[in-house]
Amino acid sequence: GLPQALPVLLVSGAQDAVGEMGEGVKKLADYYRAQGMKEVELVLFEKSRHEFLNERDNREKKWATLLDFFDKICAEKD
């Protein structure tokens, strides 16, 4: 399994059929947490599908979500 201290960010469009309209992604987050992973974040973007970063709607917010997560992880490593 994955290390319990590994930070995980799960991001998906809420209308993504591959992620079962968010339900599959929620199940994955719950699974990771049940395995003892301490830092599991889940973000579902409403009205977005599978390639949510390529959609024009809220593009800045989507990229900011990813960059904020990476910034936080890098700051924890310093």
C-alpha atoms as a PDB file:
ATOM      1  CA  GLY A   1       0.000   0.000   0.000  1.00  0.00           C
ATOM      2  CA  LEU A   2       0.864   3.649  -0.031  1.00  0.00           C
ATOM      3  CA  PRO A   3       2.738   5.229   2.884  1.00  0.00           C
ATOM      4  CA  GLN A   4       0.292   6.532   5.497  1.00  0.00           C
ATOM      5  CA  ALA A   5       2.065   9.898   5.641  1.00  0.00           C
ATOM      6  CA  LEU A   6       1.832  10.447   1.878  1.00  0.00           C
ATOM      7  CA  PRO A   7      -0.313  13.519   1.100  1.00  0.00           C
ATOM      8  CA  VAL A   8      -2.930  12.753  -1.543  1.00  0.00           C
ATOM      9  CA  LEU A   9      -5.072  15.164  -3.521  1.00  0.00           C
ATOM     10  CA  LEU A  10      -7.943  13.635  -5.479  1.00  0.00           C
ATOM     11  CA  VAL A  11      -9.459  16.076  -7.966  1.00  0.00           C
ATOM     12  CA  SER A  12     -12.217  15.377 -10.438  1.00  0.00           C
ATOM     13  CA  GLY A  13     -15.085  16.936 -12.256  1.00  0.00           C
ATOM     14  CA  ALA A  14     -18.400  16.248 -10.536  1.00  0.00           C
ATOM     15  CA  GLN A  15     -19.867  15.342 -13.943  1.00  0.00           C
ATOM     16  CA  ASP A  16     -17.058  12.921 -14.851  1.00  0.00           C
ATOM     17  CA  ALA A  17     -18.546   9.587 -15.885  1.00  0.00           C
ATOM     18  CA  VAL A  18     -15.144   7.896 -15.404  1.00  0.00           C
ATOM     19  CA  GLY A  19     -15.224   8.939 -11.716  1.00  0.00           C
ATOM     20  CA  GLU A  20     -18.866   7.816 -11.428  1.00  0.00           C
ATOM     21  CA  MET A  21     -20.038  11.441 -11.192  1.00  0.00           C
ATOM     22  CA  GLY A  22     -17.852  11.968  -8.124  1.00  0.00           C
ATOM     23  CA  GLU A  23     -19.017   8.863  -6.265  1.00  0.00           C
ATOM     24  CA  GLY A  24     -16.081   6.710  -7.367  1.00  0.00           C
ATOM     25  CA  VAL A  25     -13.624   9.407  -6.327  1.00  0.00           C
ATOM     26  CA  LYS A  26     -15.333   9.700  -2.921  1.00  0.00           C
ATOM     27  CA  LYS A  27     -15.046   5.917  -2.493  1.00  0.00           C
ATOM     28  CA  LEU A  28     -11.333   6.089  -3.297  1.00  0.00           C
ATOM     29  CA  ALA A  29     -10.822   8.853  -0.723  1.00  0.00           C
ATOM     30  CA  ASP A  30     -12.715   6.803   1.872  1.00  0.00           C
ATOM     31  CA  TYR A  31     -10.613   3.751   1.012  1.00  0.00           C
ATOM     32  CA  TYR A  32      -7.340   5.651   1.479  1.00  0.00           C
ATOM     33  CA  ARG A  33      -8.553   7.049   4.798  1.00  0.00           C
ATOM     34  CA  ALA A  34      -9.628   3.576   5.945  1.00  0.00           C
ATOM     35  CA  GLN A  35      -6.091   2.385   5.172  1.00  0.00           C
ATOM     36  CA  GLY A  36      -4.795   4.917   7.686  1.00  0.00           C
ATOM     37  CA  MET A  37      -3.680   7.641   5.296  1.00  0.00           C
ATOM     38  CA  LYS A  38      -3.697  10.878   7.264  1.00  0.00           C
ATOM     39  CA  GLU A  39      -3.758  13.551   4.570  1.00  0.00           C
ATOM     40  CA  VAL A  40      -6.345  12.821   1.884  1.00  0.00           C
ATOM     41  CA  GLU A  41      -8.005  15.806   0.225  1.00  0.00           C
ATOM     42  CA  LEU A  42     -10.906  15.524  -2.197  1.00  0.00           C
ATOM     43  CA  VAL A  43     -12.065  18.290  -4.536  1.00  0.00           C
ATOM     44  CA  LEU A  44     -14.947  17.895  -6.983  1.00  0.00           C
ATOM     45  CA  PHE A  45     -15.526  20.713  -9.441  1.00  0.00           C
ATOM     46  CA  GLU A  46     -19.216  21.217 -10.176  1.00  0.00           C
ATOM     47  CA  LYS A  47     -20.274  21.284 -13.833  1.00  0.00           C
ATOM     48  CA  SER A  48     -16.910  19.803 -14.869  1.00  0.00           C
ATOM     49  CA  ARG A  49     -16.148  16.526 -16.576  1.00  0.00           C
ATOM     50  CA  HIS A  50     -13.092  14.308 -17.047  1.00  0.00           C
ATOM     51  CA  GLU A  51     -10.683  16.858 -18.512  1.00  0.00           C
ATOM     52  CA  PHE A  52     -11.597  19.601 -16.062  1.00  0.00           C
ATOM     53  CA  LEU A  53      -8.306  21.482 -16.546  1.00  0.00           C
ATOM     54  CA  ASN A  54      -9.100  21.953 -20.243  1.00  0.00           C
ATOM     55  CA  GLU A  55     -12.498  23.506 -19.534  1.00  0.00           C
ATOM     56  CA  ARG A  56     -12.742  27.300 -19.532  1.00  0.00           C
ATOM     57  CA  ASP A  57     -15.135  27.509 -16.583  1.00  0.00           C
ATOM     58  CA  ASN A  58     -13.253  28.337 -13.359  1.00  0.00           C
ATOM     59  CA  ARG A  59      -9.913  27.452 -14.938  1.00  0.00           C
ATOM     60  CA  GLU A  60      -7.972  29.719 -12.560  1.00  0.00           C
ATOM     61  CA  LYS A  61      -9.630  28.176  -9.490  1.00  0.00           C
ATOM     62  CA  LYS A  62      -8.860  24.658 -10.723  1.00  0.00           C
ATOM     63  CA  TRP A  63      -5.184  25.396 -11.306  1.00  0.00           C
ATOM     64  CA  ALA A  64      -4.994  27.285  -8.005  1.00  0.00           C
ATOM     65  CA  THR A  65      -6.317  24.192  -6.198  1.00  0.00           C
ATOM     66  CA  LEU A  66      -3.461  22.104  -7.591  1.00  0.00           C
ATOM     67  CA  LEU A  67      -0.799  24.737  -7.028  1.00  0.00           C
ATOM     68  CA  ASP A  68      -1.963  25.403  -3.464  1.00  0.00           C
ATOM     69  CA  PHE A  69      -1.695  21.690  -2.668  1.00  0.00           C
ATOM     70  CA  PHE A  70       1.832  21.495  -4.106  1.00  0.00           C
ATOM     71  CA  ASP A  71       2.871  24.689  -2.305  1.00  0.00           C
ATOM     72  CA  LYS A  72       1.590  23.269   0.985  1.00  0.00           C
ATOM     73  CA  ILE A  73       3.426  19.970   0.475  1.00  0.00           C
ATOM     74  CA  CYS A  74       6.673  21.718  -0.450  1.00  0.00           C
ATOM     75  CA  ALA A  75       6.402  24.018   2.589  1.00  0.00           C
ATOM     76  CA  GLU A  76       5.990  20.982   4.858  1.00  0.00           C
ATOM     77  CA  LYS A  77       9.220  19.501   3.450  1.00  0.00           C
ATOM     78  CA  ASP A  78      11.303  22.630   4.240  1.00  0.00           C
END
